C-alpha cells in the first residue's frame, strides 16, 4: 500500500510539473489551482508513504517518477526532442528507481 501511495505521489508530481507549463507564471486561475492542488496531494501522499518506507528511497523514487513522467509528457505532448541520449538517461533513472525499490523490499 505504501508503494502505491508513493506511485500516486509521483504521478501528482508529474501533474504539478506539467501544470506549471500551463499556469503562465500563475496568472491563469484554473491551471494555477490545479497545479497547487497537485502539489498538495503530491506532498501529502509522499508524507503518508514515508511513514513506512525509507525516507531516502521514497524521496528518490518520488522525484524519479516526477522526472521520468514529465520528460515523457514533454516528448509526447509538447514535441520536445526524444534523442537517444535523453532516452538512455531516462532508462538510467528508471533503473535507479527499480534498484531502490528492490533494495528496500
Protein backbone atom coordinates (compact mmCIF):
# COMPACT_ATOMS: atom_id res chain seq x y z
CA UNK A 1 0.00 0.00 0.00
CA UNK A 2 2.84 2.40 0.81
CA UNK A 3 4.40 1.86 -2.61
CA UNK A 4 1.02 2.60 -4.20
CA UNK A 5 0.82 5.85 -2.21
CA UNK A 6 4.31 6.68 -3.41
CA UNK A 7 3.38 5.94 -7.03
CA UNK A 8 0.33 8.21 -6.74
CA UNK A 9 2.50 10.90 -5.14
CA UNK A 10 4.90 10.63 -8.09
CA UNK A 11 2.04 10.94 -10.57
CA UNK A 12 0.85 14.07 -8.75
CA UNK A 13 4.44 15.29 -9.01
CA UNK A 14 4.15 14.93 -12.78
CA UNK A 15 0.82 16.74 -12.65
CA UNK A 16 2.18 19.82 -10.96
CA UNK A 17 5.35 19.93 -13.01
CA UNK A 18 3.29 19.80 -16.20
CA UNK A 19 0.78 22.21 -14.70
CA UNK A 20 3.48 24.83 -14.30
CA UNK A 21 3.73 24.97 -18.08
CA UNK A 22 0.08 26.00 -18.32
CA UNK A 23 -0.17 28.49 -15.42
CA UNK A 24 1.65 31.23 -17.35
CA UNK A 25 3.54 32.26 -14.23
CA UNK A 26 0.48 31.61 -12.04
CA UNK A 27 -1.53 34.23 -13.91
CA UNK A 28 -4.17 31.74 -15.15
CA UNK A 29 -6.65 30.78 -12.41
CA UNK A 30 -7.71 27.21 -13.23
CA UNK A 31 -4.32 25.85 -14.26
CA UNK A 32 -2.83 27.53 -11.17
CA UNK A 33 -5.42 25.95 -8.86
CA UNK A 34 -4.93 22.54 -10.46
CA UNK A 35 -1.18 22.85 -10.12
CA UNK A 36 -1.44 23.91 -6.47
CA UNK A 37 -3.78 21.00 -5.67
CA UNK A 38 -1.48 18.58 -7.41
CA UNK A 39 1.44 19.94 -5.35
CA UNK A 40 -0.54 19.49 -2.15
CA UNK A 41 -1.63 15.94 -2.98
CA UNK A 42 1.88 15.02 -4.04
CA UNK A 43 3.44 16.12 -0.75
CA UNK A 44 0.64 14.67 1.40
CA UNK A 45 0.87 11.28 -0.32
CA UNK A 46 4.66 11.32 -0.01
CA UNK A 47 4.28 12.11 3.68
CA UNK A 48 1.96 9.15 4.14
CA UNK A 49 4.29 6.84 2.25
CA UNK A 50 7.40 7.77 4.26
CA UNK A 51 5.73 6.65 7.46
CA UNK A 52 6.68 3.10 6.45
CA UNK A 53 9.28 3.46 3.68
CA UNK A 54 12.88 4.60 3.98
CA UNK A 55 12.95 8.37 3.51
CA UNK A 56 15.86 8.49 1.06
CA UNK A 57 14.42 5.73 -1.08
CA UNK A 58 10.93 7.22 -1.10
CA UNK A 59 12.20 10.68 -1.98
CA UNK A 60 14.39 9.37 -4.80
CA UNK A 61 11.55 7.28 -6.22
CA UNK A 62 9.11 10.20 -5.92
CA UNK A 63 11.37 12.62 -7.76
CA UNK A 64 12.32 9.93 -10.27
CA UNK A 65 8.70 9.26 -11.17
CA UNK A 66 8.18 13.00 -11.49
CA UNK A 67 11.23 13.41 -13.68
CA UNK A 68 10.53 10.48 -16.00
CA UNK A 69 6.83 11.28 -16.29
CA UNK A 70 7.45 14.93 -17.02
CA UNK A 71 10.05 14.20 -19.67
CA UNK A 72 7.77 11.64 -21.33
CA UNK A 73 4.92 14.18 -21.32
CA UNK A 74 7.23 16.74 -22.87
CA UNK A 75 8.23 14.33 -25.61
CA UNK A 76 4.73 13.02 -26.38
CA UNK A 77 2.66 16.18 -25.95
CA UNK A 78 4.96 19.17 -26.24
CA UNK A 79 7.15 17.89 -29.05
CA UNK A 80 10.37 18.01 -27.05
CA UNK A 81 13.30 16.05 -28.50
CA UNK A 82 13.50 12.31 -27.95
CA UNK A 83 17.17 11.91 -28.68
CA UNK A 84 18.96 8.67 -27.94
CA UNK A 85 20.97 10.28 -25.15
CA UNK A 86 17.81 11.60 -23.43
CA UNK A 87 16.13 8.21 -23.67
CA UNK A 88 19.23 6.44 -22.33
CA UNK A 89 19.34 8.83 -19.39
CA UNK A 90 15.67 8.18 -18.69
CA UNK A 91 16.46 4.47 -18.74
CA UNK A 92 19.16 5.04 -16.13
CA UNK A 93 16.70 6.91 -13.91
CA UNK A 94 14.18 4.07 -14.24
CA UNK A 95 16.90 1.53 -13.44
CA UNK A 96 17.80 3.53 -10.35
CA UNK A 97 14.17 3.69 -9.23
CA UNK A 98 13.77 -0.07 -9.68
CA UNK A 99 17.05 -0.70 -7.87
CA UNK A 100 15.96 1.39 -4.90
CA UNK A 101 12.58 -0.32 -4.81
CA UNK A 102 14.09 -3.81 -4.95
CA UNK A 103 16.71 -2.90 -2.37
CA UNK A 104 14.04 -1.70 0.07
CA UNK A 105 11.72 -4.69 -0.04
